[in-house]
Amino acid sequence: MSGPIPVEELAGTWLADPAFREAYDKLDDQFALAEALIRARAQAGLTQEEVARRMGTTQAAVARLEGGRSKPSTRTLERFAAATGTRLRISFELPGETAVARTVEEETG
């Protein structure tokens, strides 16, 4: 019996498959939003429950936001930003660009 396969090895195998890679790349924006939400909460030193209380919602709702499977409204993102002491920045970029071409900033608070 062999041991567990490292996740990096599995990911490399999966990402080598063009169909998998295409489906994975389509989720990039959802992953980026989820990562930004989790990072903002972690930098604020808050639990999901604390963020939920500040937003006037439930921990389960915050978990869904951070899970990346939903498309939250701008108002919800503003409330999350206020709850974590951050500001919401929305940008429009051309496909493949890494630099932000234009940024729309909304101050919360």
PDB file of N, CA and C in Angstrom:
ATOM      1  N   MET A   1       0.846  -1.189   0.000  1.00  0.00           N
ATOM      2  CA  MET A   1       0.000   0.000   0.000  1.00  0.00           C
ATOM      3  C   MET A   1       0.886   1.245   0.000  1.00  0.00           C
ATOM      4  N   SER A   2       0.608   2.186  -0.891  1.00  0.00           N
ATOM      5  CA  SER A   2       1.414   3.393  -0.965  1.00  0.00           C
ATOM      6  C   SER A   2       0.835   4.472  -0.056  1.00  0.00           C
ATOM      7  N   GLY A   3       1.676   5.455   0.244  1.00  0.00           N
ATOM      8  CA  GLY A   3       1.259   6.547   1.121  1.00  0.00           C
ATOM      9  C   GLY A   3       0.425   7.573   0.374  1.00  0.00           C
ATOM     10  N   PRO A   4       0.042   8.618   1.077  1.00  0.00           N
ATOM     11  CA  PRO A   4      -0.770   9.676   0.458  1.00  0.00           C
ATOM     12  C   PRO A   4       0.016  10.393  -0.644  1.00  0.00           C
ATOM     13  N   ILE A   5      -0.706  10.848  -1.628  1.00  0.00           N
ATOM     14  CA  ILE A   5      -0.094  11.598  -2.734  1.00  0.00           C
ATOM     15  C   ILE A   5      -0.133  13.077  -2.371  1.00  0.00           C
ATOM     16  N   PRO A   6       1.005  13.771  -2.438  1.00  0.00           N
ATOM     17  CA  PRO A   6       1.029  15.205  -2.116  1.00  0.00           C
ATOM     18  C   PRO A   6       0.092  15.990  -3.036  1.00  0.00           C
ATOM     19  N   VAL A   7      -0.586  16.963  -2.484  1.00  0.00           N
ATOM     20  CA  VAL A   7      -1.551  17.755  -3.244  1.00  0.00           C
ATOM     21  C   VAL A   7      -0.874  18.462  -4.417  1.00  0.00           C
ATOM     22  N   GLU A   8       0.367  18.881  -4.239  1.00  0.00           N
ATOM     23  CA  GLU A   8       1.084  19.554  -5.326  1.00  0.00           C
ATOM     24  C   GLU A   8       1.232  18.626  -6.531  1.00  0.00           C
ATOM     25  N   GLU A   9       1.495  17.345  -6.257  1.00  0.00           N
ATOM     26  CA  GLU A   9       1.631  16.365  -7.334  1.00  0.00           C
ATOM     27  C   GLU A   9       0.298  16.166  -8.058  1.00  0.00           C
ATOM     28  N   LEU A  10      -0.769  16.059  -7.298  1.00  0.00           N
ATOM     29  CA  LEU A  10      -2.096  15.916  -7.897  1.00  0.00           C
ATOM     30  C   LEU A  10      -2.455  17.141  -8.726  1.00  0.00           C
ATOM     31  N   ALA A  11      -2.211  18.318  -8.171  1.00  0.00           N
ATOM     32  CA  ALA A  11      -2.540  19.554  -8.883  1.00  0.00           C
ATOM     33  C   ALA A  11      -1.763  19.626 -10.188  1.00  0.00           C
ATOM     34  N   GLY A  12      -0.504  19.270 -10.165  1.00  0.00           N
ATOM     35  CA  GLY A  12       0.299  19.280 -11.383  1.00  0.00           C
ATOM     36  C   GLY A  12      -0.259  18.349 -12.437  1.00  0.00           C
ATOM     37  N   THR A  13      -0.693  17.182 -12.020  1.00  0.00           N
ATOM     38  CA  THR A  13      -1.288  16.211 -12.939  1.00  0.00           C
ATOM     39  C   THR A  13      -2.595  16.745 -13.509  1.00  0.00           C
ATOM     40  N   TRP A  14      -3.448  17.269 -12.628  1.00  0.00           N
ATOM     41  CA  TRP A  14      -4.739  17.782 -13.074  1.00  0.00           C
ATOM     42  C   TRP A  14      -4.572  18.975 -14.013  1.00  0.00           C
ATOM     43  N   LEU A  15      -3.682  19.904 -13.661  1.00  0.00           N
ATOM     44  CA  LEU A  15      -3.513  21.115 -14.455  1.00  0.00           C
ATOM     45  C   LEU A  15      -2.881  20.836 -15.813  1.00  0.00           C
ATOM     46  N   ALA A  16      -2.257  19.678 -15.979  1.00  0.00           N
ATOM     47  CA  ALA A  16      -1.690  19.294 -17.273  1.00  0.00           C
ATOM     48  C   ALA A  16      -2.784  18.903 -18.267  1.00  0.00           C
ATOM     49  N   ASP A  17      -3.968  18.600 -17.753  1.00  0.00           N
ATOM     50  CA  ASP A  17      -5.104  18.235 -18.602  1.00  0.00           C
ATOM     51  C   ASP A  17      -5.756  19.529 -19.107  1.00  0.00           C
ATOM     52  N   PRO A  18      -5.755  19.769 -20.437  1.00  0.00           N
ATOM     53  CA  PRO A  18      -6.294  21.027 -20.969  1.00  0.00           C
ATOM     54  C   PRO A  18      -7.739  21.322 -20.548  1.00  0.00           C
ATOM     55  N   ALA A  19      -8.587  20.315 -20.491  1.00  0.00           N
ATOM     56  CA  ALA A  19      -9.985  20.534 -20.106  1.00  0.00           C
ATOM     57  C   ALA A  19     -10.081  20.962 -18.643  1.00  0.00           C
ATOM     58  N   PHE A  20      -9.285  20.312 -17.783  1.00  0.00           N
ATOM     59  CA  PHE A  20      -9.271  20.688 -16.370  1.00  0.00           C
ATOM     60  C   PHE A  20      -8.741  22.107 -16.220  1.00  0.00           C
ATOM     61  N   ARG A  21      -7.651  22.411 -16.922  1.00  0.00           N
ATOM     62  CA  ARG A  21      -7.016  23.729 -16.831  1.00  0.00           C
ATOM     63  C   ARG A  21      -7.994  24.826 -17.253  1.00  0.00           C
ATOM     64  N   GLU A  22      -8.756  24.596 -18.314  1.00  0.00           N
ATOM     65  CA  GLU A  22      -9.727  25.583 -18.781  1.00  0.00           C
ATOM     66  C   GLU A  22     -10.802  25.824 -17.725  1.00  0.00           C
ATOM     67  N   ALA A  23     -11.325  24.758 -17.148  1.00  0.00           N
ATOM     68  CA  ALA A  23     -12.355  24.892 -16.108  1.00  0.00           C
ATOM     69  C   ALA A  23     -11.784  25.587 -14.877  1.00  0.00           C
ATOM     70  N   TYR A  24     -10.556  25.250 -14.518  1.00  0.00           N
ATOM     71  CA  TYR A  24      -9.890  25.858 -13.357  1.00  0.00           C
ATOM     72  C   TYR A  24      -9.692  27.355 -13.583  1.00  0.00           C
ATOM     73  N   ASP A  25      -9.225  27.721 -14.772  1.00  0.00           N
ATOM     74  CA  ASP A  25      -8.975  29.134 -15.076  1.00  0.00           C
ATOM     75  C   ASP A  25     -10.257  29.960 -15.055  1.00  0.00           C
ATOM     76  N   LYS A  26     -11.387  29.358 -15.394  1.00  0.00           N
ATOM     77  CA  LYS A  26     -12.663  30.074 -15.371  1.00  0.00           C
ATOM     78  C   LYS A  26     -13.068  30.455 -13.944  1.00  0.00           C
ATOM     79  N   LEU A  27     -12.526  29.755 -12.959  1.00  0.00           N
ATOM     80  CA  LEU A  27     -12.847  30.027 -11.556  1.00  0.00           C
ATOM     81  C   LEU A  27     -11.901  31.028 -10.912  1.00  0.00           C
ATOM     82  N   ASP A  28     -10.932  31.528 -11.666  1.00  0.00           N
ATOM     83  CA  ASP A  28      -9.893  32.397 -11.112  1.00  0.00           C
ATOM     84  C   ASP A  28     -10.461  33.606 -10.372  1.00  0.00           C
ATOM     85  N   ASP A  29     -11.465  34.273 -10.946  1.00  0.00           N
ATOM     86  CA  ASP A  29     -12.030  35.454 -10.288  1.00  0.00           C
ATOM     87  C   ASP A  29     -12.692  35.095  -8.962  1.00  0.00           C
ATOM     88  N   GLN A  30     -13.386  33.954  -8.919  1.00  0.00           N
ATOM     89  CA  GLN A  30     -14.012  33.527  -7.667  1.00  0.00           C
ATOM     90  C   GLN A  30     -12.954  33.225  -6.611  1.00  0.00           C
ATOM     91  N   PHE A  31     -11.875  32.562  -7.014  1.00  0.00           N
ATOM     92  CA  PHE A  31     -10.799  32.271  -6.070  1.00  0.00           C
ATOM     93  C   PHE A  31     -10.167  33.566  -5.560  1.00  0.00           C
ATOM     94  N   ALA A  32      -9.967  34.524  -6.453  1.00  0.00           N
ATOM     95  CA  ALA A  32      -9.345  35.792  -6.063  1.00  0.00           C
ATOM     96  C   ALA A  32     -10.211  36.542  -5.054  1.00  0.00           C
ATOM     97  N   LEU A  33     -11.517  36.567  -5.267  1.00  0.00           N
ATOM     98  CA  LEU A  33     -12.409  37.243  -4.330  1.00  0.00           C
ATOM     99  C   LEU A  33     -12.405  36.536  -2.981  1.00  0.00           C
ATOM    100  N   ALA A  34     -12.500  35.217  -2.995  1.00  0.00           N
ATOM    101  CA  ALA A  34     -12.493  34.458  -1.740  1.00  0.00           C
ATOM    102  C   ALA A  34     -11.196  34.702  -0.980  1.00  0.00           C
ATOM    103  N   GLU A  35     -10.088  34.689  -1.696  1.00  0.00           N
ATOM    104  CA  GLU A  35      -8.785  34.927  -1.055  1.00  0.00           C
ATOM    105  C   GLU A  35      -8.715  36.324  -0.442  1.00  0.00           C
ATOM    106  N   ALA A  36      -9.234  37.330  -1.153  1.00  0.00           N
ATOM    107  CA  ALA A  36      -9.214  38.704  -0.646  1.00  0.00           C
ATOM    108  C   ALA A  36     -10.068  38.839   0.616  1.00  0.00           C
ATOM    109  N   LEU A  37     -11.226  38.195   0.635  1.00  0.00           N
ATOM    110  CA  LEU A  37     -12.090  38.253   1.815  1.00  0.00           C
ATOM    111  C   LEU A  37     -11.422  37.596   3.015  1.00  0.00           C
ATOM    112  N   ILE A  38     -10.862  36.434   2.800  1.00  0.00           N
ATOM    113  CA  ILE A  38     -10.205  35.707   3.897  1.00  0.00           C
ATOM    114  C   ILE A  38      -9.010  36.502   4.415  1.00  0.00           C
ATOM    115  N   ARG A  39      -8.241  37.077   3.500  1.00  0.00           N
ATOM    116  CA  ARG A  39      -7.069  37.863   3.901  1.00  0.00           C
ATOM    117  C   ARG A  39      -7.481  39.088   4.720  1.00  0.00           C
ATOM    118  N   ALA A  40      -8.536  39.789   4.283  1.00  0.00           N
ATOM    119  CA  ALA A  40      -9.004  40.980   5.010  1.00  0.00           C
ATOM    120  C   ALA A  40      -9.431  40.611   6.421  1.00  0.00           C
ATOM    121  N   ARG A  41     -10.165  39.507   6.537  1.00  0.00           N
ATOM    122  CA  ARG A  41     -10.614  39.076   7.873  1.00  0.00           C
ATOM    123  C   ARG A  41      -9.434  38.677   8.750  1.00  0.00           C
ATOM    124  N   ALA A  42      -8.495  37.926   8.170  1.00  0.00           N
ATOM    125  CA  ALA A  42      -7.326  37.477   8.939  1.00  0.00           C
ATOM    126  C   ALA A  42      -6.471  38.659   9.381  1.00  0.00           C
ATOM    127  N   GLN A  43      -6.263  39.626   8.500  1.00  0.00           N
ATOM    128  CA  GLN A  43      -5.467  40.802   8.858  1.00  0.00           C
ATOM    129  C   GLN A  43      -6.143  41.628   9.946  1.00  0.00           C
ATOM    130  N   ALA A  44      -7.465  41.583   9.988  1.00  0.00           N
ATOM    131  CA  ALA A  44      -8.207  42.288  11.035  1.00  0.00           C
ATOM    132  C   ALA A  44      -8.211  41.500  12.340  1.00  0.00           C
ATOM    133  N   GLY A  45      -7.743  40.250  12.277  1.00  0.00           N
ATOM    134  CA  GLY A  45      -7.705  39.411  13.481  1.00  0.00           C
ATOM    135  C   GLY A  45      -9.083  39.009  13.964  1.00  0.00           C
ATOM    136  N   LEU A  46     -10.011  38.820  13.009  1.00  0.00           N
ATOM    137  CA  LEU A  46     -11.393  38.517  13.368  1.00  0.00           C
ATOM    138  C   LEU A  46     -11.776  37.101  12.955  1.00  0.00           C
ATOM    139  N   THR A  47     -12.709  36.526  13.674  1.00  0.00           N
ATOM    140  CA  THR A  47     -13.299  35.249  13.283  1.00  0.00           C
ATOM    141  C   THR A  47     -14.464  35.530  12.337  1.00  0.00           C
ATOM    142  N   GLN A  48     -14.943  34.497  11.673  1.00  0.00           N
ATOM    143  CA  GLN A  48     -16.118  34.666  10.829  1.00  0.00           C
ATOM    144  C   GLN A  48     -17.304  35.143  11.649  1.00  0.00           C
ATOM    145  N   GLU A  49     -17.422  34.628  12.855  1.00  0.00           N
ATOM    146  CA  GLU A  49     -18.534  35.019  13.717  1.00  0.00           C
ATOM    147  C   GLU A  49     -18.467  36.506  14.079  1.00  0.00           C
ATOM    148  N   GLU A  50     -17.257  37.008  14.345  1.00  0.00           N
ATOM    149  CA  GLU A  50     -17.105  38.425  14.685  1.00  0.00           C
ATOM    150  C   GLU A  50     -17.447  39.313  13.486  1.00  0.00           C
ATOM    151  N   VAL A  51     -16.995  38.915  12.298  1.00  0.00           N
ATOM    152  CA  VAL A  51     -17.325  39.672  11.089  1.00  0.00           C
ATOM    153  C   VAL A  51     -18.834  39.651  10.870  1.00  0.00           C
ATOM    154  N   ALA A  52     -19.441  38.496  11.039  1.00  0.00           N
ATOM    155  CA  ALA A  52     -20.890  38.372  10.868  1.00  0.00           C
ATOM    156  C   ALA A  52     -21.636  39.303  11.817  1.00  0.00           C
ATOM    157  N   ARG A  53     -21.224  39.328  13.067  1.00  0.00           N
ATOM    158  CA  ARG A  53     -21.882  40.188  14.051  1.00  0.00           C
ATOM    159  C   ARG A  53     -21.770  41.653  13.619  1.00  0.00           C
ATOM    160  N   ARG A  54     -20.597  42.069  13.154  1.00  0.00           N
ATOM    161  CA  ARG A  54     -20.401  43.447  12.716  1.00  0.00           C
ATOM    162  C   ARG A  54     -21.211  43.767  11.459  1.00  0.00           C
ATOM    163  N   MET A  55     -21.431  42.751  10.618  1.00  0.00           N
ATOM    164  CA  MET A  55     -22.203  42.950   9.389  1.00  0.00           C
ATOM    165  C   MET A  55     -23.703  42.832   9.620  1.00  0.00           C
ATOM    166  N   GLY A  56     -24.097  42.289  10.762  1.00  0.00           N
ATOM    167  CA  GLY A  56     -25.504  42.064  11.026  1.00  0.00           C
ATOM    168  C   GLY A  56     -26.038  40.856  10.276  1.00  0.00           C
ATOM    169  N   THR A  57     -25.192  39.832  10.162  1.00  0.00           N
ATOM    170  CA  THR A  57     -25.593  38.615   9.465  1.00  0.00           C
ATOM    171  C   THR A  57     -25.129  37.405  10.277  1.00  0.00           C
ATOM    172  N   THR A  58     -25.106  36.247   9.650  1.00  0.00           N
ATOM    173  CA  THR A  58     -24.715  35.025  10.353  1.00  0.00           C
ATOM    174  C   THR A  58     -23.322  34.570   9.942  1.00  0.00           C
ATOM    175  N   GLN A  59     -22.721  33.742  10.785  1.00  0.00           N
ATOM    176  CA  GLN A  59     -21.417  33.162  10.477  1.00  0.00           C
ATOM    177  C   GLN A  59     -21.504  32.324   9.211  1.00  0.00           C
ATOM    178  N   ALA A  60     -22.612  31.628   9.023  1.00  0.00           N
ATOM    179  CA  ALA A  60     -22.788  30.802   7.826  1.00  0.00           C
ATOM    180  C   ALA A  60     -22.764  31.663   6.559  1.00  0.00           C
ATOM    181  N   ALA A  61     -23.341  32.863   6.621  1.00  0.00           N
ATOM    182  CA  ALA A  61     -23.330  33.761   5.463  1.00  0.00           C
ATOM    183  C   ALA A  61     -21.913  34.209   5.141  1.00  0.00           C
ATOM    184  N   VAL A  62     -21.125  34.499   6.173  1.00  0.00           N
ATOM    185  CA  VAL A  62     -19.728  34.891   5.967  1.00  0.00           C
ATOM    186  C   VAL A  62     -18.941  33.715   5.390  1.00  0.00           C
ATOM    187  N   ALA A  63     -19.202  32.524   5.891  1.00  0.00           N
ATOM    188  CA  ALA A  63     -18.527  31.328   5.364  1.00  0.00           C
ATOM    189  C   ALA A  63     -18.853  31.134   3.887  1.00  0.00           C
ATOM    190  N   ARG A  64     -20.092  31.381   3.494  1.00  0.00           N
ATOM    191  CA  ARG A  64     -20.471  31.259   2.081  1.00  0.00           C
ATOM    192  C   ARG A  64     -19.735  32.292   1.231  1.00  0.00           C
ATOM    193  N   LEU A  65     -19.617  33.517   1.749  1.00  0.00           N
ATOM    194  CA  LEU A  65     -18.868  34.557   1.032  1.00  0.00           C
ATOM    195  C   LEU A  65     -17.425  34.117   0.808  1.00  0.00           C
ATOM    196  N   GLU A  66     -16.805  33.639   1.881  1.00  0.00           N
ATOM    197  CA  GLU A  66     -15.404  33.234   1.817  1.00  0.00           C
ATOM    198  C   GLU A  66     -15.214  31.938   1.041  1.00  0.00           C
ATOM    199  N   GLY A  67     -16.280  31.185   0.855  1.00  0.00           N
ATOM    200  CA  GLY A  67     -16.194  29.936   0.107  1.00  0.00           C
ATOM    201  C   GLY A  67     -16.060  30.157  -1.393  1.00  0.00           C
ATOM    202  N   GLY A  68     -16.356  31.353  -1.852  1.00  0.00           N
ATOM    203  CA  GLY A  68     -16.165  31.694  -3.244  1.00  0.00           C
ATOM    204  C   GLY A  68     -17.219  31.176  -4.201  1.00  0.00           C
ATOM    205  N   ARG A  69     -18.294  30.625  -3.693  1.00  0.00           N
ATOM    206  CA  ARG A  69     -19.308  30.066  -4.582  1.00  0.00           C
ATOM    207  C   ARG A  69     -20.452  31.029  -4.864  1.00  0.00           C
ATOM    208  N   SER A  70     -20.447  32.169  -4.208  1.00  0.00           N
ATOM    209  CA  SER A  70     -21.529  33.127  -4.428  1.00  0.00           C
ATOM    210  C   SER A  70     -20.970  34.380  -5.091  1.00  0.00           C
ATOM    211  N   LYS A  71     -21.865  35.168  -5.647  1.00  0.00           N
ATOM    212  CA  LYS A  71     -21.477  36.437  -6.250  1.00  0.00           C
ATOM    213  C   LYS A  71     -22.145  37.534  -5.432  1.00  0.00           C
ATOM    214  N   PRO A  72     -21.445  38.025  -4.414  1.00  0.00           N
ATOM    215  CA  PRO A  72     -22.048  39.012  -3.517  1.00  0.00           C
ATOM    216  C   PRO A  72     -22.264  40.357  -4.207  1.00  0.00           C
ATOM    217  N   SER A  73     -23.239  41.080  -3.689  1.00  0.00           N
ATOM    218  CA  SER A  73     -23.506  42.419  -4.199  1.00  0.00           C
ATOM    219  C   SER A  73     -22.420  43.378  -3.716  1.00  0.00           C
ATOM    220  N   THR A  74     -22.349  44.511  -4.377  1.00  0.00           N
ATOM    221  CA  THR A  74     -21.400  45.545  -3.952  1.00  0.00           C
ATOM    222  C   THR A  74     -21.715  45.976  -2.525  1.00  0.00           C
ATOM    223  N   ARG A  75     -22.980  46.070  -2.193  1.00  0.00           N
ATOM    224  CA  ARG A  75     -23.389  46.471  -0.835  1.00  0.00           C
ATOM    225  C   ARG A  75     -22.877  45.466   0.195  1.00  0.00           C
ATOM    226  N   THR A  76     -22.969  44.180  -0.098  1.00  0.00           N
ATOM    227  CA  THR A  76     -22.465  43.164   0.823  1.00  0.00           C
ATOM    228  C   THR A  76     -20.957  43.290   0.981  1.00  0.00           C
ATOM    229  N   LEU A  77     -20.253  43.520  -0.114  1.00  0.00           N
ATOM    230  CA  LEU A  77     -18.798  43.693  -0.036  1.00  0.00           C
ATOM    231  C   LEU A  77     -18.430  44.955   0.747  1.00  0.00           C
ATOM    232  N   GLU A  78     -19.231  46.012   0.609  1.00  0.00           N
ATOM    233  CA  GLU A  78     -18.999  47.228   1.388  1.00  0.00           C
ATOM    234  C   GLU A  78     -19.164  46.954   2.884  1.00  0.00           C
ATOM    235  N   ARG A  79     -20.191  46.180   3.226  1.00  0.00           N
ATOM    236  CA  ARG A  79     -20.429  45.836   4.629  1.00  0.00           C
ATOM    237  C   ARG A  79     -19.290  44.981   5.173  1.00  0.00           C
ATOM    238  N   PHE A  80     -18.789  44.058   4.360  1.00  0.00           N
ATOM    239  CA  PHE A  80     -17.657  43.212   4.768  1.00  0.00           C
ATOM    240  C   PHE A  80     -16.425  44.094   4.993  1.00  0.00           C
ATOM    241  N   ALA A  81     -16.191  45.021   4.077  1.00  0.00           N
ATOM    242  CA  ALA A  81     -15.047  45.926   4.218  1.00  0.00           C
ATOM    243  C   ALA A  81     -15.154  46.739   5.504  1.00  0.00           C
ATOM    244  N   ALA A  82     -16.319  47.289   5.759  1.00  0.00           N
ATOM    245  CA  ALA A  82     -16.513  48.071   6.982  1.00  0.00           C
ATOM    246  C   ALA A  82     -16.296  47.210   8.221  1.00  0.00           C
ATOM    247  N   ALA A  83     -16.771  45.978   8.172  1.00  0.00           N
ATOM    248  CA  ALA A  83     -16.638  45.071   9.316  1.00  0.00           C
ATOM    249  C   ALA A  83     -15.186  44.704   9.590  1.00  0.00           C
ATOM    250  N   THR A  84     -14.359  44.689   8.548  1.00  0.00           N
ATOM    251  CA  THR A  84     -12.951  44.312   8.714  1.00  0.00           C
ATOM    252  C   THR A  84     -12.016  45.518   8.764  1.00  0.00           C
ATOM    253  N   GLY A  85     -12.585  46.720   8.721  1.00  0.00           N
ATOM    254  CA  GLY A  85     -11.756  47.929   8.788  1.00  0.00           C
ATOM    255  C   GLY A  85     -10.927  48.140   7.531  1.00  0.00           C
ATOM    256  N   THR A  86     -11.450  47.690   6.405  1.00  0.00           N
ATOM    257  CA  THR A  86     -10.748  47.852   5.130  1.00  0.00           C
ATOM    258  C   THR A  86     -11.604  48.680   4.193  1.00  0.00           C
ATOM    259  N   ARG A  87     -11.119  48.908   2.984  1.00  0.00           N
ATOM    260  CA  ARG A  87     -11.919  49.604   1.980  1.00  0.00           C
ATOM    261  C   ARG A  87     -12.075  48.693   0.772  1.00  0.00           C
ATOM    262  N   LEU A  88     -13.164  48.855   0.091  1.00  0.00           N
ATOM    263  CA  LEU A  88     -13.467  48.063  -1.091  1.00  0.00           C
ATOM    264  C   LEU A  88     -12.888  48.750  -2.311  1.00  0.00           C
ATOM    265  N   ARG A  89     -12.143  47.998  -3.115  1.00  0.00           N
ATOM    266  CA  ARG A  89     -11.594  48.508  -4.374  1.00  0.00           C
ATOM    267  C   ARG A  89     -12.040  47.556  -5.470  1.00  0.00           C
ATOM    268  N   ILE A  90     -12.642  48.096  -6.507  1.00  0.00           N
ATOM    269  CA  ILE A  90     -13.100  47.307  -7.634  1.00  0.00           C
ATOM    270  C   ILE A  90     -12.309  47.762  -8.850  1.00  0.00           C
ATOM    271  N   SER A  91     -11.754  46.823  -9.605  1.00  0.00           N
ATOM    272  CA  SER A  91     -10.958  47.209 -10.770  1.00  0.00           C
ATOM    273  C   SER A  91     -11.433  46.470 -12.008  1.00  0.00           C
ATOM    274  N   PHE A  92     -11.168  47.072 -13.146  1.00  0.00           N
ATOM    275  CA  PHE A  92     -11.438  46.472 -14.438  1.00  0.00           C
ATOM    276  C   PHE A  92     -10.091  46.279 -15.121  1.00  0.00           C
ATOM    277  N   GLU A  93      -9.828  45.052 -15.550  1.00  0.00           N
ATOM    278  CA  GLU A  93      -8.552  44.737 -16.175  1.00  0.00           C
ATOM    279  C   GLU A  93      -8.793  44.001 -17.483  1.00  0.00           C
ATOM    280  N   LEU A  94      -7.891  44.160 -18.403  1.00  0.00           N
ATOM    281  CA  LEU A  94      -7.949  43.391 -19.638  1.00  0.00           C
ATOM    282  C   LEU A  94      -7.490  41.970 -19.337  1.00  0.00           C
ATOM    283  N   PRO A  95      -8.031  40.976 -20.034  1.00  0.00           N
ATOM    284  CA  PRO A  95      -7.607  39.589 -19.801  1.00  0.00           C
ATOM    285  C   PRO A  95      -6.088  39.455 -19.931  1.00  0.00           C
ATOM    286  N   GLY A  96      -5.500  38.771 -18.984  1.00  0.00           N
ATOM    287  CA  GLY A  96      -4.064  38.531 -19.010  1.00  0.00           C
ATOM    288  C   GLY A  96      -3.237  39.620 -18.361  1.00  0.00           C
ATOM    289  N   GLU A  97      -3.822  40.767 -18.054  1.00  0.00           N
ATOM    290  CA  GLU A  97      -3.081  41.848 -17.405  1.00  0.00           C
ATOM    291  C   GLU A  97      -2.925  41.557 -15.920  1.00  0.00           C
ATOM    292  N   THR A  98      -1.796  41.932 -15.384  1.00  0.00           N
ATOM    293  CA  THR A  98      -1.608  41.799 -13.951  1.00  0.00           C
ATOM    294  C   THR A  98      -1.684  43.161 -13.269  1.00  0.00           C
ATOM    295  N   ALA A  99      -1.392  44.211 -13.996  1.00  0.00           N
ATOM    296  CA  ALA A  99      -1.472  45.554 -13.434  1.00  0.00           C
ATOM    297  C   ALA A  99      -2.889  46.084 -13.578  1.00  0.00           C
ATOM    298  N   VAL A 100      -3.313  46.876 -12.613  1.00  0.00           N
ATOM    299  CA  VAL A 100      -4.651  47.454 -12.647  1.00  0.00           C
ATOM    300  C   VAL A 100      -4.639  48.644 -13.596  1.00  0.00           C
ATOM    301  N   ALA A 101      -5.506  48.589 -14.593  1.00  0.00           N
ATOM    302  CA  ALA A 101      -5.578  49.676 -15.559  1.00  0.00           C
ATOM    303  C   ALA A 101      -6.305  50.883 -14.956  1.00  0.00           C
ATOM    304  N   ARG A 102      -7.442  50.630 -14.394  1.00  0.00           N
ATOM    305  CA  ARG A 102      -8.219  51.688 -13.742  1.00  0.00           C
ATOM    306  C   ARG A 102      -8.825  51.104 -12.476  1.00  0.00           C
ATOM    307  N   THR A 103      -8.942  51.913 -11.471  1.00  0.00           N
ATOM    308  CA  THR A 103      -9.504  51.452 -10.213  1.00  0.00           C
ATOM    309  C   THR A 103     -10.611  52.384  -9.782  1.00  0.00           C
ATOM    310  N   VAL A 104     -11.703  51.797  -9.346  1.00  0.00           N
ATOM    311  CA  VAL A 104     -12.789  52.563  -8.748  1.00  0.00           C
ATOM    312  C   VAL A 104     -12.717  52.282  -7.256  1.00  0.00           C
ATOM    313  N   GLU A 105     -12.508  53.309  -6.467  1.00  0.00           N
ATOM    314  CA  GLU A 105     -12.404  53.133  -5.022  1.00  0.00           C
ATOM    315  C   GLU A 105     -13.673  53.642  -4.362  1.00  0.00           C
ATOM    316  N   GLU A 106     -14.140  52.871  -3.420  1.00  0.00           N
ATOM    317  CA  GLU A 106     -15.277  53.292  -2.620  1.00  0.00           C
ATOM    318  C   GLU A 106     -14.847  53.281  -1.171  1.00  0.00           C
ATOM    319  N   GLU A 107     -14.923  54.426  -0.534  1.00  0.00           N
ATOM    320  CA  GLU A 107     -14.598  54.504   0.884  1.00  0.00           C
ATOM    321  C   GLU A 107     -15.790  54.007   1.677  1.00  0.00           C
ATOM    322  N   THR A 108     -15.534  53.129   2.607  1.00  0.00           N
ATOM    323  CA  THR A 108     -16.611  52.640   3.463  1.00  0.00           C
ATOM    324  C   THR A 108     -16.446  53.281   4.837  1.00  0.00           C
ATOM    325  N   GLY A 109     -17.551  53.530   5.450  1.00  0.00           N
ATOM    326  CA  GLY A 109     -17.462  54.042   6.809  1.00  0.00           C
ATOM    327  C   GLY A 109     -18.049  55.375   6.993  1.00  0.00           C
TER     328      GLY A 109
END
